[in-house]
Amino acid sequence: MNQLIEALAPVLIASFAIQQLIELLDPILDTVIKAHKKWILSAVAFIAGLALTLGLELRVLAPFGITRFPWVDVILTTLFITGGTKGVNDLMKLIGYKKEEAKAAFEAA
């Protein structure tokens, strides 16, 4: 389980970084281009997420053993990172559930 957390920690950090970038750009765009702010922020987040995903070779499916379609992993990782901390919180819950399942299965054996 520690390997899984170590593999996904960079994704967590990238998600926080994207969220901070958006929070820094938000007031600037609010004063300059208020009408188009939302889609500009979304586009910036997606492009930054894609750059981080490809540049750092981040993947969210690979640690779970899903490697069949790497391009799908790139897209999902980018969307996951772009989503900020909400996706990270959901993933951490999933990891916790998997850990509890493994623990219960081990204790039952």
C-alpha atoms as a PDB file:
ATOM      1  CA  MET A   1       0.000   0.000   0.000  1.00  0.00           C
ATOM      2  CA  ASN A   2       2.924   2.356   0.659  1.00  0.00           C
ATOM      3  CA  GLN A   3       4.047   1.955  -2.961  1.00  0.00           C
ATOM      4  CA  LEU A   4       0.608   3.058  -4.106  1.00  0.00           C
ATOM      5  CA  ILE A   5       0.727   6.161  -1.940  1.00  0.00           C
ATOM      6  CA  GLU A   6       4.271   6.942  -3.099  1.00  0.00           C
ATOM      7  CA  ALA A   7       3.195   6.568  -6.731  1.00  0.00           C
ATOM      8  CA  LEU A   8       0.202   8.883  -6.299  1.00  0.00           C
ATOM      9  CA  ALA A   9       1.844  11.511  -4.065  1.00  0.00           C
ATOM     10  CA  PRO A  10       3.184  13.502  -7.056  1.00  0.00           C
ATOM     11  CA  VAL A  11      -0.365  13.597  -8.454  1.00  0.00           C
ATOM     12  CA  LEU A  12      -1.544  15.028  -5.144  1.00  0.00           C
ATOM     13  CA  ILE A  13       1.154  17.685  -5.209  1.00  0.00           C
ATOM     14  CA  ALA A  14       0.359  18.575  -8.826  1.00  0.00           C
ATOM     15  CA  SER A  15      -3.346  18.905  -7.947  1.00  0.00           C
ATOM     16  CA  PHE A  16      -2.553  21.333  -5.157  1.00  0.00           C
ATOM     17  CA  ALA A  17      -0.255  23.299  -7.473  1.00  0.00           C
ATOM     18  CA  ILE A  18      -2.951  23.618 -10.152  1.00  0.00           C
ATOM     19  CA  GLN A  19      -5.469  24.715  -7.543  1.00  0.00           C
ATOM     20  CA  GLN A  20      -3.073  27.380  -6.269  1.00  0.00           C
ATOM     21  CA  LEU A  21      -2.372  28.574  -9.820  1.00  0.00           C
ATOM     22  CA  ILE A  22      -6.099  28.994 -10.445  1.00  0.00           C
ATOM     23  CA  GLU A  23      -6.540  30.857  -7.157  1.00  0.00           C
ATOM     24  CA  LEU A  24      -3.724  33.233  -8.130  1.00  0.00           C
ATOM     25  CA  LEU A  25      -5.161  33.884 -11.595  1.00  0.00           C
ATOM     26  CA  ASP A  26      -8.775  34.235 -10.453  1.00  0.00           C
ATOM     27  CA  PRO A  27      -8.625  37.811  -9.096  1.00  0.00           C
ATOM     28  CA  ILE A  28      -6.505  38.972 -12.020  1.00  0.00           C
ATOM     29  CA  LEU A  29      -8.947  37.634 -14.589  1.00  0.00           C
ATOM     30  CA  ASP A  30     -11.862  38.904 -12.531  1.00  0.00           C
ATOM     31  CA  THR A  31     -10.697  42.467 -13.005  1.00  0.00           C
ATOM     32  CA  VAL A  32      -9.412  42.125 -16.575  1.00  0.00           C
ATOM     33  CA  ILE A  33     -11.714  39.674 -18.390  1.00  0.00           C
ATOM     34  CA  LYS A  34     -14.631  38.904 -16.108  1.00  0.00           C
ATOM     35  CA  ALA A  35     -16.943  37.674 -18.873  1.00  0.00           C
ATOM     36  CA  HIS A  36     -14.608  34.883 -20.008  1.00  0.00           C
ATOM     37  CA  LYS A  37     -12.895  34.129 -16.714  1.00  0.00           C
ATOM     38  CA  LYS A  38     -14.395  30.686 -16.099  1.00  0.00           C
ATOM     39  CA  TRP A  39     -13.439  29.075 -19.391  1.00  0.00           C
ATOM     40  CA  ILE A  40     -10.010  30.721 -19.378  1.00  0.00           C
ATOM     41  CA  LEU A  41      -9.301  29.313 -15.907  1.00  0.00           C
ATOM     42  CA  SER A  42     -10.529  25.892 -17.029  1.00  0.00           C
ATOM     43  CA  ALA A  43      -8.310  25.985 -20.114  1.00  0.00           C
ATOM     44  CA  VAL A  44      -5.269  27.114 -18.100  1.00  0.00           C
ATOM     45  CA  ALA A  45      -5.875  24.351 -15.543  1.00  0.00           C
ATOM     46  CA  PHE A  46      -6.225  21.700 -18.264  1.00  0.00           C
ATOM     47  CA  ILE A  47      -3.106  22.827 -20.146  1.00  0.00           C
ATOM     48  CA  ALA A  48      -1.065  23.010 -16.934  1.00  0.00           C
ATOM     49  CA  GLY A  49      -2.410  19.604 -15.861  1.00  0.00           C
ATOM     50  CA  LEU A  50      -1.536  18.090 -19.231  1.00  0.00           C
ATOM     51  CA  ALA A  51       1.949  19.601 -19.097  1.00  0.00           C
ATOM     52  CA  LEU A  52       2.534  18.197 -15.614  1.00  0.00           C
ATOM     53  CA  THR A  53       1.093  14.805 -16.558  1.00  0.00           C
ATOM     54  CA  LEU A  54       3.292  14.455 -19.631  1.00  0.00           C
ATOM     55  CA  GLY A  55       6.362  16.244 -18.272  1.00  0.00           C
ATOM     56  CA  LEU A  56       6.502  14.337 -14.999  1.00  0.00           C
ATOM     57  CA  GLU A  57       5.019  11.134 -16.459  1.00  0.00           C
ATOM     58  CA  LEU A  58       2.272  11.107 -13.842  1.00  0.00           C
ATOM     59  CA  ARG A  59      -0.386   8.385 -14.065  1.00  0.00           C
ATOM     60  CA  VAL A  60      -3.328   7.597 -11.788  1.00  0.00           C
ATOM     61  CA  LEU A  61      -4.328   4.243 -13.300  1.00  0.00           C
ATOM     62  CA  ALA A  62      -0.873   2.653 -13.596  1.00  0.00           C
ATOM     63  CA  PRO A  63      -0.416   2.184  -9.810  1.00  0.00           C
ATOM     64  CA  PHE A  64      -3.629   0.135  -9.865  1.00  0.00           C
ATOM     65  CA  GLY A  65      -2.148  -2.127 -12.550  1.00  0.00           C
ATOM     66  CA  ILE A  66      -4.194  -0.675 -15.428  1.00  0.00           C
ATOM     67  CA  THR A  67      -1.724  -0.152 -18.259  1.00  0.00           C
ATOM     68  CA  ARG A  68      -3.591  -1.285 -21.373  1.00  0.00           C
ATOM     69  CA  PHE A  69      -4.369   2.149 -22.850  1.00  0.00           C
ATOM     70  CA  PRO A  70      -1.713   4.626 -21.690  1.00  0.00           C
ATOM     71  CA  TRP A  71      -3.348   7.542 -23.542  1.00  0.00           C
ATOM     72  CA  VAL A  72      -6.503   7.048 -21.457  1.00  0.00           C
ATOM     73  CA  ASP A  73      -4.365   7.209 -18.326  1.00  0.00           C
ATOM     74  CA  VAL A  74      -2.853  10.502 -19.555  1.00  0.00           C
ATOM     75  CA  ILE A  75      -6.290  12.023 -20.141  1.00  0.00           C
ATOM     76  CA  LEU A  76      -7.711  10.779 -16.827  1.00  0.00           C
ATOM     77  CA  THR A  77      -4.637  11.919 -14.924  1.00  0.00           C
ATOM     78  CA  THR A  78      -4.873  15.350 -16.537  1.00  0.00           C
ATOM     79  CA  LEU A  79      -8.557  15.652 -15.649  1.00  0.00           C
ATOM     80  CA  PHE A  80      -7.867  14.373 -12.147  1.00  0.00           C
ATOM     81  CA  ILE A  81      -5.097  16.914 -11.594  1.00  0.00           C
ATOM     82  CA  THR A  82      -7.204  19.677 -13.129  1.00  0.00           C
ATOM     83  CA  GLY A  83      -9.968  18.912 -10.639  1.00  0.00           C
ATOM     84  CA  GLY A  84      -7.779  20.029  -7.752  1.00  0.00           C
ATOM     85  CA  THR A  85      -8.116  18.591  -4.279  1.00  0.00           C
ATOM     86  CA  LYS A  86     -11.612  17.109  -4.640  1.00  0.00           C
ATOM     87  CA  GLY A  87     -10.298  14.303  -6.820  1.00  0.00           C
ATOM     88  CA  VAL A  88      -7.403  13.710  -4.460  1.00  0.00           C
ATOM     89  CA  ASN A  89      -9.764  13.436  -1.492  1.00  0.00           C
ATOM     90  CA  ASP A  90     -11.912  10.918  -3.371  1.00  0.00           C
ATOM     91  CA  LEU A  91      -8.837   8.889  -4.312  1.00  0.00           C
ATOM     92  CA  MET A  92      -7.587   8.842  -0.729  1.00  0.00           C
ATOM     93  CA  LYS A  93     -10.985   7.511   0.387  1.00  0.00           C
ATOM     94  CA  LEU A  94     -10.756   4.767  -2.243  1.00  0.00           C
ATOM     95  CA  ILE A  95      -7.266   3.823  -1.062  1.00  0.00           C
ATOM     96  CA  GLY A  96      -8.547   3.702   2.514  1.00  0.00           C
ATOM     97  CA  TYR A  97     -11.412   1.393   1.504  1.00  0.00           C
ATOM     98  CA  LYS A  98      -9.020  -0.901  -0.379  1.00  0.00           C
ATOM     99  CA  LYS A  99      -6.703  -0.984   2.611  1.00  0.00           C
ATOM    100  CA  GLU A 100      -9.572  -1.943   4.921  1.00  0.00           C
ATOM    101  CA  GLU A 101     -10.725  -4.662   2.491  1.00  0.00           C
ATOM    102  CA  ALA A 102      -7.228  -6.120   2.348  1.00  0.00           C
ATOM    103  CA  LYS A 103      -6.948  -6.004   6.131  1.00  0.00           C
ATOM    104  CA  ALA A 104     -10.336  -7.726   6.580  1.00  0.00           C
ATOM    105  CA  ALA A 105      -9.416 -10.404   4.018  1.00  0.00           C
ATOM    106  CA  PHE A 106      -6.092 -11.005   5.777  1.00  0.00           C
ATOM    107  CA  GLU A 107      -7.763 -11.301   9.193  1.00  0.00           C
ATOM    108  CA  ALA A 108     -10.408 -13.675   7.827  1.00  0.00           C
ATOM    109  CA  ALA A 109      -7.762 -16.024   6.388  1.00  0.00           C
END
